Amino acid sequence: MHQSNFLKWFLLTICLLVILAGIFQLGKLVGLAIYSDTFSFNSIEIWQVGIIGSGFWGVFEFFRTMKKLKISPKYN
């Protein structure tokens, strides 16, 4: 059971990093859209969409894993 909890905490760490990357990329694109005169939606790359999508996945996986950690039985 100890290894399973370790893997869940590791997954939470990965989720947090992915969430931060997604938020950063989304903020960068919003900032460009607001303040850049040359920005167009055609200039958005597929990898940027992938990072933002991964950020959304990270949010849902983070909450799902947190729920599993709360439900998992505690063994002494």
PDB file of N, CA and C in Angstrom:
ATOM      1  N   MET A   1       0.814  -1.186   0.000  1.00  0.00           N
ATOM      2  CA  MET A   1       0.000   0.000   0.000  1.00  0.00           C
ATOM      3  C   MET A   1       0.865   1.259   0.000  1.00  0.00           C
ATOM      4  N   HIS A   2       2.047   1.173   0.591  1.00  0.00           N
ATOM      5  CA  HIS A   2       2.922   2.337   0.666  1.00  0.00           C
ATOM      6  C   HIS A   2       3.373   2.773  -0.726  1.00  0.00           C
ATOM      7  N   GLN A   3       3.691   1.818  -1.595  1.00  0.00           N
ATOM      8  CA  GLN A   3       4.126   2.153  -2.940  1.00  0.00           C
ATOM      9  C   GLN A   3       3.002   2.809  -3.727  1.00  0.00           C
ATOM     10  N   SER A   4       1.777   2.372  -3.532  1.00  0.00           N
ATOM     11  CA  SER A   4       0.645   2.954  -4.232  1.00  0.00           C
ATOM     12  C   SER A   4       0.465   4.420  -3.838  1.00  0.00           C
ATOM     13  N   ASN A   5       0.612   4.723  -2.562  1.00  0.00           N
ATOM     14  CA  ASN A   5       0.504   6.118  -2.132  1.00  0.00           C
ATOM     15  C   ASN A   5       1.646   6.952  -2.697  1.00  0.00           C
ATOM     16  N   PHE A   6       2.840   6.365  -2.797  1.00  0.00           N
ATOM     17  CA  PHE A   6       3.963   7.075  -3.385  1.00  0.00           C
ATOM     18  C   PHE A   6       3.668   7.423  -4.838  1.00  0.00           C
ATOM     19  N   LEU A   7       3.106   6.492  -5.580  1.00  0.00           N
ATOM     20  CA  LEU A   7       2.779   6.746  -6.978  1.00  0.00           C
ATOM     21  C   LEU A   7       1.699   7.823  -7.108  1.00  0.00           C
ATOM     22  N   LYS A   8       0.751   7.843  -6.181  1.00  0.00           N
ATOM     23  CA  LYS A   8      -0.280   8.883  -6.215  1.00  0.00           C
ATOM     24  C   LYS A   8       0.318  10.256  -5.939  1.00  0.00           C
ATOM     25  N   TRP A   9       1.232  10.347  -4.993  1.00  0.00           N
ATOM     26  CA  TRP A   9       1.874  11.625  -4.707  1.00  0.00           C
ATOM     27  C   TRP A   9       2.754  12.060  -5.869  1.00  0.00           C
ATOM     28  N   PHE A  10       3.408  11.110  -6.514  1.00  0.00           N
ATOM     29  CA  PHE A  10       4.211  11.421  -7.696  1.00  0.00           C
ATOM     30  C   PHE A  10       3.320  11.945  -8.817  1.00  0.00           C
ATOM     31  N   LEU A  11       2.153  11.315  -9.003  1.00  0.00           N
ATOM     32  CA  LEU A  11       1.207  11.773 -10.015  1.00  0.00           C
ATOM     33  C   LEU A  11       0.699  13.175  -9.696  1.00  0.00           C
ATOM     34  N   LEU A  12       0.469  13.465  -8.421  1.00  0.00           N
ATOM     35  CA  LEU A  12       0.051  14.814  -8.028  1.00  0.00           C
ATOM     36  C   LEU A  12       1.119  15.848  -8.381  1.00  0.00           C
ATOM     37  N   THR A  13       2.381  15.498  -8.179  1.00  0.00           N
ATOM     38  CA  THR A  13       3.472  16.398  -8.523  1.00  0.00           C
ATOM     39  C   THR A  13       3.514  16.656 -10.021  1.00  0.00           C
ATOM     40  N   ILE A  14       3.381  15.602 -10.809  1.00  0.00           N
ATOM     41  CA  ILE A  14       3.371  15.742 -12.264  1.00  0.00           C
ATOM     42  C   ILE A  14       2.181  16.595 -12.698  1.00  0.00           C
ATOM     43  N   CYS A  15       1.020  16.353 -12.094  1.00  0.00           N
ATOM     44  CA  CYS A  15      -0.174  17.135 -12.435  1.00  0.00           C
ATOM     45  C   CYS A  15       0.038  18.618 -12.152  1.00  0.00           C
ATOM     46  N   LEU A  16       0.651  18.930 -11.020  1.00  0.00           N
ATOM     47  CA  LEU A  16       0.891  20.331 -10.693  1.00  0.00           C
ATOM     48  C   LEU A  16       1.816  20.997 -11.702  1.00  0.00           C
ATOM     49  N   LEU A  17       2.849  20.281 -12.143  1.00  0.00           N
ATOM     50  CA  LEU A  17       3.756  20.834 -13.149  1.00  0.00           C
ATOM     51  C   LEU A  17       3.047  21.053 -14.479  1.00  0.00           C
ATOM     52  N   VAL A  18       2.201  20.110 -14.868  1.00  0.00           N
ATOM     53  CA  VAL A  18       1.454  20.235 -16.122  1.00  0.00           C
ATOM     54  C   VAL A  18       0.442  21.377 -16.031  1.00  0.00           C
ATOM     55  N   ILE A  19      -0.202  21.522 -14.880  1.00  0.00           N
ATOM     56  CA  ILE A  19      -1.151  22.617 -14.676  1.00  0.00           C
ATOM     57  C   ILE A  19      -0.432  23.964 -14.803  1.00  0.00           C
ATOM     58  N   LEU A  20       0.735  24.080 -14.180  1.00  0.00           N
ATOM     59  CA  LEU A  20       1.488  25.330 -14.256  1.00  0.00           C
ATOM     60  C   LEU A  20       1.904  25.645 -15.691  1.00  0.00           C
ATOM     61  N   ALA A  21       2.329  24.638 -16.432  1.00  0.00           N
ATOM     62  CA  ALA A  21       2.703  24.855 -17.828  1.00  0.00           C
ATOM     63  C   ALA A  21       1.503  25.303 -18.654  1.00  0.00           C
ATOM     64  N   GLY A  22       0.348  24.694 -18.414  1.00  0.00           N
ATOM     65  CA  GLY A  22      -0.866  25.068 -19.136  1.00  0.00           C
ATOM     66  C   GLY A  22      -1.313  26.476 -18.816  1.00  0.00           C
ATOM     67  N   ILE A  23      -1.252  26.851 -17.540  1.00  0.00           N
ATOM     68  CA  ILE A  23      -1.635  28.206 -17.133  1.00  0.00           C
ATOM     69  C   ILE A  23      -0.680  29.236 -17.732  1.00  0.00           C
ATOM     70  N   PHE A  24       0.607  28.919 -17.718  1.00  0.00           N
ATOM     71  CA  PHE A  24       1.596  29.829 -18.286  1.00  0.00           C
ATOM     72  C   PHE A  24       1.339  30.036 -19.781  1.00  0.00           C
ATOM     73  N   GLN A  25       1.116  28.956 -20.506  1.00  0.00           N
ATOM     74  CA  GLN A  25       0.899  29.054 -21.948  1.00  0.00           C
ATOM     75  C   GLN A  25      -0.394  29.799 -22.267  1.00  0.00           C
ATOM     76  N   LEU A  26      -1.452  29.526 -21.510  1.00  0.00           N
ATOM     77  CA  LEU A  26      -2.714  30.222 -21.717  1.00  0.00           C
ATOM     78  C   LEU A  26      -2.563  31.713 -21.422  1.00  0.00           C
ATOM     79  N   GLY A  27      -1.859  32.048 -20.367  1.00  0.00           N
ATOM     80  CA  GLY A  27      -1.611  33.446 -20.034  1.00  0.00           C
ATOM     81  C   GLY A  27      -0.778  34.149 -21.086  1.00  0.00           C
ATOM     82  N   LYS A  28       0.192  33.440 -21.627  1.00  0.00           N
ATOM     83  CA  LYS A  28       1.023  34.011 -22.684  1.00  0.00           C
ATOM     84  C   LYS A  28       0.186  34.326 -23.923  1.00  0.00           C
ATOM     85  N   LEU A  29      -0.682  33.395 -24.307  1.00  0.00           N
ATOM     86  CA  LEU A  29      -1.527  33.627 -25.477  1.00  0.00           C
ATOM     87  C   LEU A  29      -2.541  34.741 -25.244  1.00  0.00           C
ATOM     88  N   VAL A  30      -3.121  34.798 -24.057  1.00  0.00           N
ATOM     89  CA  VAL A  30      -4.067  35.866 -23.741  1.00  0.00           C
ATOM     90  C   VAL A  30      -3.354  37.212 -23.745  1.00  0.00           C
ATOM     91  N   GLY A  31      -2.153  37.257 -23.177  1.00  0.00           N
ATOM     92  CA  GLY A  31      -1.377  38.490 -23.181  1.00  0.00           C
ATOM     93  C   GLY A  31      -1.033  38.943 -24.593  1.00  0.00           C
ATOM     94  N   LEU A  32      -0.650  37.999 -25.449  1.00  0.00           N
ATOM     95  CA  LEU A  32      -0.378  38.350 -26.843  1.00  0.00           C
ATOM     96  C   LEU A  32      -1.633  38.843 -27.550  1.00  0.00           C
ATOM     97  N   ALA A  33      -2.761  38.200 -27.273  1.00  0.00           N
ATOM     98  CA  ALA A  33      -4.009  38.604 -27.919  1.00  0.00           C
ATOM     99  C   ALA A  33      -4.431  40.012 -27.488  1.00  0.00           C
ATOM    100  N   ILE A  34      -4.169  40.368 -26.243  1.00  0.00           N
ATOM    101  CA  ILE A  34      -4.589  41.671 -25.744  1.00  0.00           C
ATOM    102  C   ILE A  34      -3.631  42.782 -26.180  1.00  0.00           C
ATOM    103  N   TYR A  35      -2.330  42.527 -26.078  1.00  0.00           N
ATOM    104  CA  TYR A  35      -1.363  43.608 -26.233  1.00  0.00           C
ATOM    105  C   TYR A  35      -0.612  43.627 -27.561  1.00  0.00           C
ATOM    106  N   SER A  36      -0.706  42.590 -28.368  1.00  0.00           N
ATOM    107  CA  SER A  36       0.038  42.555 -29.625  1.00  0.00           C
ATOM    108  C   SER A  36      -0.850  42.982 -30.788  1.00  0.00           C
ATOM    109  N   ASP A  37      -0.302  43.829 -31.628  1.00  0.00           N
ATOM    110  CA  ASP A  37      -1.043  44.274 -32.805  1.00  0.00           C
ATOM    111  C   ASP A  37      -1.018  43.229 -33.914  1.00  0.00           C
ATOM    112  N   THR A  38      -0.020  42.362 -33.896  1.00  0.00           N
ATOM    113  CA  THR A  38       0.139  41.400 -34.988  1.00  0.00           C
ATOM    114  C   THR A  38      -0.404  40.020 -34.661  1.00  0.00           C
ATOM    115  N   PHE A  39      -1.030  39.853 -33.505  1.00  0.00           N
ATOM    116  CA  PHE A  39      -1.528  38.526 -33.110  1.00  0.00           C
ATOM    117  C   PHE A  39      -2.757  38.147 -33.932  1.00  0.00           C
ATOM    118  N   SER A  40      -2.792  36.891 -34.351  1.00  0.00           N
ATOM    119  CA  SER A  40      -3.997  36.331 -34.978  1.00  0.00           C
ATOM    120  C   SER A  40      -4.144  34.896 -34.503  1.00  0.00           C
ATOM    121  N   PHE A  41      -5.354  34.385 -34.567  1.00  0.00           N
ATOM    122  CA  PHE A  41      -5.584  33.021 -34.110  1.00  0.00           C
ATOM    123  C   PHE A  41      -4.902  32.005 -35.014  1.00  0.00           C
ATOM    124  N   ASN A  42      -4.546  32.387 -36.214  1.00  0.00           N
ATOM    125  CA  ASN A  42      -3.810  31.493 -37.112  1.00  0.00           C
ATOM    126  C   ASN A  42      -2.373  31.296 -36.660  1.00  0.00           C
ATOM    127  N   SER A  43      -1.879  32.178 -35.797  1.00  0.00           N
ATOM    128  CA  SER A  43      -0.495  32.056 -35.333  1.00  0.00           C
ATOM    129  C   SER A  43      -0.355  31.109 -34.145  1.00  0.00           C
ATOM    130  N   ILE A  44      -1.451  30.563 -33.636  1.00  0.00           N
ATOM    131  CA  ILE A  44      -1.387  29.618 -32.519  1.00  0.00           C
ATOM    132  C   ILE A  44      -0.918  28.269 -33.055  1.00  0.00           C
ATOM    133  N   GLU A  45       0.118  27.733 -32.444  1.00  0.00           N
ATOM    134  CA  GLU A  45       0.704  26.453 -32.858  1.00  0.00           C
ATOM    135  C   GLU A  45      -0.021  25.290 -32.186  1.00  0.00           C
ATOM    136  N   ILE A  46       0.107  24.115 -32.780  1.00  0.00           N
ATOM    137  CA  ILE A  46      -0.550  22.918 -32.241  1.00  0.00           C
ATOM    138  C   ILE A  46       0.054  22.517 -30.901  1.00  0.00           C
ATOM    139  N   TRP A  47       1.340  22.744 -30.696  1.00  0.00           N
ATOM    140  CA  TRP A  47       1.951  22.378 -29.415  1.00  0.00           C
ATOM    141  C   TRP A  47       1.431  23.268 -28.291  1.00  0.00           C
ATOM    142  N   GLN A  48       1.068  24.523 -28.609  1.00  0.00           N
ATOM    143  CA  GLN A  48       0.496  25.395 -27.598  1.00  0.00           C
ATOM    144  C   GLN A  48      -0.890  24.903 -27.176  1.00  0.00           C
ATOM    145  N   VAL A  49      -1.659  24.454 -28.144  1.00  0.00           N
ATOM    146  CA  VAL A  49      -2.971  23.884 -27.835  1.00  0.00           C
ATOM    147  C   VAL A  49      -2.798  22.611 -27.005  1.00  0.00           C
ATOM    148  N   GLY A  50      -1.782  21.823 -27.326  1.00  0.00           N
ATOM    149  CA  GLY A  50      -1.507  20.599 -26.574  1.00  0.00           C
ATOM    150  C   GLY A  50      -1.131  20.873 -25.134  1.00  0.00           C
ATOM    151  N   ILE A  51      -0.315  21.900 -24.917  1.00  0.00           N
ATOM    152  CA  ILE A  51       0.084  22.242 -23.543  1.00  0.00           C
ATOM    153  C   ILE A  51      -1.119  22.733 -22.744  1.00  0.00           C
ATOM    154  N   ILE A  52      -1.960  23.549 -23.359  1.00  0.00           N
ATOM    155  CA  ILE A  52      -3.155  24.043 -22.664  1.00  0.00           C
ATOM    156  C   ILE A  52      -4.111  22.889 -22.374  1.00  0.00           C
ATOM    157  N   GLY A  53      -4.281  21.978 -23.331  1.00  0.00           N
ATOM    158  CA  GLY A  53      -5.127  20.802 -23.109  1.00  0.00           C
ATOM    159  C   GLY A  53      -4.573  19.906 -22.016  1.00  0.00           C
ATOM    160  N   SER A  54      -3.250  19.767 -21.973  1.00  0.00           N
ATOM    161  CA  SER A  54      -2.630  18.981 -20.904  1.00  0.00           C
ATOM    162  C   SER A  54      -2.856  19.637 -19.548  1.00  0.00           C
ATOM    163  N   GLY A  55      -2.882  20.955 -19.524  1.00  0.00           N
ATOM    164  CA  GLY A  55      -3.169  21.666 -18.276  1.00  0.00           C
ATOM    165  C   GLY A  55      -4.563  21.359 -17.766  1.00  0.00           C
ATOM    166  N   PHE A  56      -5.545  21.316 -18.689  1.00  0.00           N
ATOM    167  CA  PHE A  56      -6.902  20.947 -18.284  1.00  0.00           C
ATOM    168  C   PHE A  56      -6.943  19.502 -17.786  1.00  0.00           C
ATOM    169  N   TRP A  57      -6.223  18.599 -18.477  1.00  0.00           N
ATOM    170  CA  TRP A  57      -6.154  17.213 -18.019  1.00  0.00           C
ATOM    171  C   TRP A  57      -5.550  17.166 -16.616  1.00  0.00           C
ATOM    172  N   GLY A  58      -4.503  17.958 -16.379  1.00  0.00           N
ATOM    173  CA  GLY A  58      -3.842  17.976 -15.073  1.00  0.00           C
ATOM    174  C   GLY A  58      -4.778  18.385 -13.949  1.00  0.00           C
ATOM    175  N   VAL A  59      -5.653  19.345 -14.225  1.00  0.00           N
ATOM    176  CA  VAL A  59      -6.610  19.787 -13.203  1.00  0.00           C
ATOM    177  C   VAL A  59      -7.545  18.649 -12.828  1.00  0.00           C
ATOM    178  N   PHE A  60      -8.135  17.998 -13.825  1.00  0.00           N
ATOM    179  CA  PHE A  60      -9.071  16.918 -13.539  1.00  0.00           C
ATOM    180  C   PHE A  60      -8.378  15.722 -12.885  1.00  0.00           C
ATOM    181  N   GLU A  61      -7.178  15.384 -13.342  1.00  0.00           N
ATOM    182  CA  GLU A  61      -6.441  14.266 -12.749  1.00  0.00           C
ATOM    183  C   GLU A  61      -6.003  14.591 -11.330  1.00  0.00           C
ATOM    184  N   PHE A  62      -5.660  15.838 -11.061  1.00  0.00           N
ATOM    185  CA  PHE A  62      -5.271  16.258  -9.719  1.00  0.00           C
ATOM    186  C   PHE A  62      -6.412  16.040  -8.734  1.00  0.00           C
ATOM    187  N   PHE A  63      -7.611  16.517  -9.102  1.00  0.00           N
ATOM    188  CA  PHE A  63      -8.745  16.351  -8.192  1.00  0.00           C
ATOM    189  C   PHE A  63      -9.159  14.890  -8.056  1.00  0.00           C
ATOM    190  N   ARG A  64      -9.041  14.107  -9.131  1.00  0.00           N
ATOM    191  CA  ARG A  64      -9.387  12.689  -9.066  1.00  0.00           C
ATOM    192  C   ARG A  64      -8.431  11.949  -8.126  1.00  0.00           C
ATOM    193  N   THR A  65      -7.143  12.263  -8.215  1.00  0.00           N
ATOM    194  CA  THR A  65      -6.148  11.616  -7.363  1.00  0.00           C
ATOM    195  C   THR A  65      -6.289  12.067  -5.917  1.00  0.00           C
ATOM    196  N   MET A  66      -6.611  13.334  -5.703  1.00  0.00           N
ATOM    197  CA  MET A  66      -6.836  13.796  -4.335  1.00  0.00           C
ATOM    198  C   MET A  66      -8.012  13.070  -3.698  1.00  0.00           C
ATOM    199  N   LYS A  67      -9.048  12.833  -4.485  1.00  0.00           N
ATOM    200  CA  LYS A  67     -10.196  12.099  -3.954  1.00  0.00           C
ATOM    201  C   LYS A  67      -9.793  10.664  -3.599  1.00  0.00           C
ATOM    202  N   LYS A  68      -8.962  10.048  -4.424  1.00  0.00           N
ATOM    203  CA  LYS A  68      -8.502   8.687  -4.129  1.00  0.00           C
ATOM    204  C   LYS A  68      -7.660   8.662  -2.850  1.00  0.00           C
ATOM    205  N   LEU A  69      -6.855   9.663  -2.642  1.00  0.00           N
ATOM    206  CA  LEU A  69      -6.030   9.699  -1.425  1.00  0.00           C
ATOM    207  C   LEU A  69      -6.891   9.865  -0.175  1.00  0.00           C
ATOM    208  N   LYS A  70      -7.980  10.577  -0.268  1.00  0.00           N
ATOM    209  CA  LYS A  70      -8.865  10.747   0.878  1.00  0.00           C
ATOM    210  C   LYS A  70      -9.646   9.467   1.177  1.00  0.00           C
ATOM    211  N   ILE A  71     -10.019   8.715   0.149  1.00  0.00           N
ATOM    212  CA  ILE A  71     -10.837   7.535   0.313  1.00  0.00           C
ATOM    213  C   ILE A  71     -10.003   6.314   0.718  1.00  0.00           C
ATOM    214  N   SER A  72      -8.728   6.287   0.320  1.00  0.00           N
ATOM    215  CA  SER A  72      -7.908   5.098   0.559  1.00  0.00           C
ATOM    216  C   SER A  72      -7.793   4.838   2.053  1.00  0.00           C
ATOM    217  N   PRO A  73      -7.867   3.559   2.461  1.00  0.00           N
ATOM    218  CA  PRO A  73      -7.807   3.230   3.893  1.00  0.00           C
ATOM    219  C   PRO A  73      -6.411   3.485   4.459  1.00  0.00           C
ATOM    220  N   LYS A  74      -6.374   3.847   5.723  1.00  0.00           N
ATOM    221  CA  LYS A  74      -5.107   4.066   6.416  1.00  0.00           C
ATOM    222  C   LYS A  74      -4.733   2.803   7.177  1.00  0.00           C
ATOM    223  N   TYR A  75      -3.530   2.325   6.915  1.00  0.00           N
ATOM    224  CA  TYR A  75      -3.039   1.141   7.609  1.00  0.00           C
ATOM    225  C   TYR A  75      -1.900   1.547   8.530  1.00  0.00           C
ATOM    226  N   ASN A  76      -1.926   1.068   9.763  1.00  0.00           N
ATOM    227  CA  ASN A  76      -0.861   1.379  10.731  1.00  0.00           C
ATOM    228  C   ASN A  76       0.146   0.273  10.769  1.00  0.00           C
TER     229      ASN A  76
END
